[in-house]
Amino acid sequence: MREGMQAQLAGLPGTPVMAETAALATLIEMVAELGTPIHVIGFRRRDRWRC
């Protein structure tokens, strides 16, 4: 769960947005190098989920 209001309400520390961004950037680089298709689920735009 991302850090923010929902994580606080659930009593969880949350995952920093930068951690998710770095993981996604790594995945995109691998896709570009290997030329393989991927399917990413659970991806949300930050500006939609401001807390």
N, C-alpha and C. Protein backbone atom coordinates (compact mmCIF):
# COMPACT_ATOMS: atom_id res chain seq x y z
N MET A 1 0.85 -1.16 0.00
CA MET A 1 0.00 0.00 0.00
C MET A 1 0.90 1.23 0.00
N ARG A 2 0.55 2.23 -0.79
CA ARG A 2 1.30 3.48 -0.83
C ARG A 2 1.19 4.22 0.48
N GLU A 3 2.23 5.00 0.77
CA GLU A 3 2.14 5.85 1.95
C GLU A 3 1.13 6.96 1.66
N GLY A 4 0.46 7.41 2.66
CA GLY A 4 -0.55 8.45 2.50
C GLY A 4 -1.69 8.24 3.47
N MET A 5 -2.78 8.93 3.22
CA MET A 5 -3.92 8.93 4.14
C MET A 5 -4.49 7.52 4.34
N GLN A 6 -4.66 6.76 3.26
CA GLN A 6 -5.24 5.42 3.39
C GLN A 6 -4.35 4.51 4.22
N ALA A 7 -3.04 4.59 4.03
CA ALA A 7 -2.12 3.77 4.82
C ALA A 7 -2.18 4.19 6.29
N GLN A 8 -2.25 5.48 6.55
CA GLN A 8 -2.34 5.96 7.93
C GLN A 8 -3.61 5.47 8.60
N LEU A 9 -4.72 5.53 7.88
CA LEU A 9 -6.00 5.08 8.44
C LEU A 9 -5.98 3.59 8.73
N ALA A 10 -5.24 2.84 7.90
CA ALA A 10 -5.15 1.39 8.10
C ALA A 10 -4.07 1.02 9.13
N GLY A 11 -3.31 2.01 9.58
CA GLY A 11 -2.26 1.75 10.56
C GLY A 11 -1.02 1.11 9.97
N LEU A 12 -0.81 1.30 8.67
CA LEU A 12 0.33 0.71 7.98
C LEU A 12 1.36 1.78 7.62
N PRO A 13 2.64 1.42 7.58
CA PRO A 13 3.65 2.42 7.25
C PRO A 13 3.59 2.87 5.79
N GLY A 14 3.15 2.02 4.91
CA GLY A 14 3.04 2.38 3.49
C GLY A 14 4.36 2.27 2.75
N THR A 15 4.27 2.13 1.44
CA THR A 15 5.43 2.07 0.57
C THR A 15 5.65 3.44 -0.05
N PRO A 16 6.87 3.98 0.04
CA PRO A 16 7.12 5.29 -0.57
C PRO A 16 6.86 5.24 -2.08
N VAL A 17 6.33 6.30 -2.62
CA VAL A 17 6.02 6.37 -4.05
C VAL A 17 7.29 6.15 -4.87
N MET A 18 8.43 6.66 -4.38
CA MET A 18 9.68 6.51 -5.12
C MET A 18 10.05 5.04 -5.31
N ALA A 19 9.73 4.19 -4.35
CA ALA A 19 10.03 2.76 -4.49
C ALA A 19 9.24 2.16 -5.65
N GLU A 20 7.98 2.53 -5.75
CA GLU A 20 7.16 2.03 -6.86
C GLU A 20 7.64 2.58 -8.19
N THR A 21 8.02 3.86 -8.20
CA THR A 21 8.50 4.50 -9.42
C THR A 21 9.79 3.84 -9.90
N ALA A 22 10.71 3.56 -8.98
CA ALA A 22 11.97 2.93 -9.35
C ALA A 22 11.74 1.52 -9.90
N ALA A 23 10.85 0.77 -9.28
CA ALA A 23 10.55 -0.59 -9.75
C ALA A 23 9.93 -0.55 -11.15
N LEU A 24 9.03 0.39 -11.38
CA LEU A 24 8.39 0.50 -12.69
C LEU A 24 9.40 0.93 -13.75
N ALA A 25 10.29 1.86 -13.40
CA ALA A 25 11.32 2.31 -14.34
C ALA A 25 12.24 1.14 -14.73
N THR A 26 12.60 0.32 -13.77
CA THR A 26 13.43 -0.86 -14.05
C THR A 26 12.72 -1.81 -15.00
N LEU A 27 11.44 -2.03 -14.74
CA LEU A 27 10.65 -2.92 -15.60
C LEU A 27 10.57 -2.38 -17.02
N ILE A 28 10.36 -1.08 -17.16
CA ILE A 28 10.26 -0.47 -18.50
C ILE A 28 11.59 -0.60 -19.25
N GLU A 29 12.70 -0.42 -18.55
CA GLU A 29 14.01 -0.58 -19.18
C GLU A 29 14.22 -2.01 -19.66
N MET A 30 13.80 -2.98 -18.85
CA MET A 30 13.93 -4.38 -19.25
C MET A 30 13.07 -4.69 -20.47
N VAL A 31 11.87 -4.15 -20.51
CA VAL A 31 10.98 -4.36 -21.65
C VAL A 31 11.59 -3.78 -22.91
N ALA A 32 12.17 -2.59 -22.79
CA ALA A 32 12.79 -1.95 -23.96
C ALA A 32 13.97 -2.78 -24.47
N GLU A 33 14.74 -3.33 -23.55
CA GLU A 33 15.91 -4.13 -23.92
C GLU A 33 15.52 -5.47 -24.52
N LEU A 34 14.55 -6.15 -23.93
CA LEU A 34 14.17 -7.49 -24.36
C LEU A 34 13.10 -7.52 -25.44
N GLY A 35 12.33 -6.43 -25.55
CA GLY A 35 11.28 -6.37 -26.55
C GLY A 35 10.12 -7.30 -26.28
N THR A 36 9.88 -7.56 -25.01
CA THR A 36 8.80 -8.47 -24.64
C THR A 36 7.59 -7.69 -24.14
N PRO A 37 6.39 -8.17 -24.42
CA PRO A 37 5.20 -7.48 -23.91
C PRO A 37 5.01 -7.73 -22.42
N ILE A 38 4.41 -6.79 -21.73
CA ILE A 38 4.09 -6.94 -20.31
C ILE A 38 2.68 -6.45 -20.06
N HIS A 39 2.17 -6.82 -18.92
CA HIS A 39 0.87 -6.33 -18.47
C HIS A 39 1.06 -5.86 -17.03
N VAL A 40 0.86 -4.56 -16.81
CA VAL A 40 1.05 -3.98 -15.48
C VAL A 40 -0.33 -3.73 -14.88
N ILE A 41 -0.56 -4.28 -13.68
CA ILE A 41 -1.83 -4.06 -13.00
C ILE A 41 -1.59 -3.24 -11.73
N GLY A 42 -2.61 -2.59 -11.28
CA GLY A 42 -2.52 -1.82 -10.04
C GLY A 42 -1.76 -0.52 -10.19
N PHE A 43 -1.60 -0.06 -11.40
CA PHE A 43 -0.87 1.19 -11.65
C PHE A 43 -1.83 2.36 -11.56
N ARG A 44 -1.49 3.32 -10.73
CA ARG A 44 -2.36 4.50 -10.56
C ARG A 44 -1.56 5.76 -10.78
N ARG A 45 -2.21 6.73 -11.38
CA ARG A 45 -1.58 8.03 -11.55
C ARG A 45 -1.61 8.77 -10.22
N ARG A 46 -0.50 9.32 -9.82
CA ARG A 46 -0.40 10.00 -8.53
C ARG A 46 -1.36 11.17 -8.43
N ASP A 47 -1.54 11.93 -9.51
CA ASP A 47 -2.40 13.11 -9.40
C ASP A 47 -3.87 12.76 -9.17
N ARG A 48 -4.24 11.51 -9.37
CA ARG A 48 -5.62 11.07 -9.10
C ARG A 48 -5.83 10.73 -7.64
N TRP A 49 -4.76 10.42 -6.92
CA TRP A 49 -4.87 9.90 -5.56
C TRP A 49 -4.18 10.79 -4.54
N ARG A 50 -4.35 12.08 -4.68
CA ARG A 50 -3.74 12.99 -3.71
C ARG A 50 -4.37 12.84 -2.34
N CYS A 51 -3.52 12.82 -1.33
CA CYS A 51 -4.00 12.67 0.05
C CYS A 51 -3.57 13.87 0.87
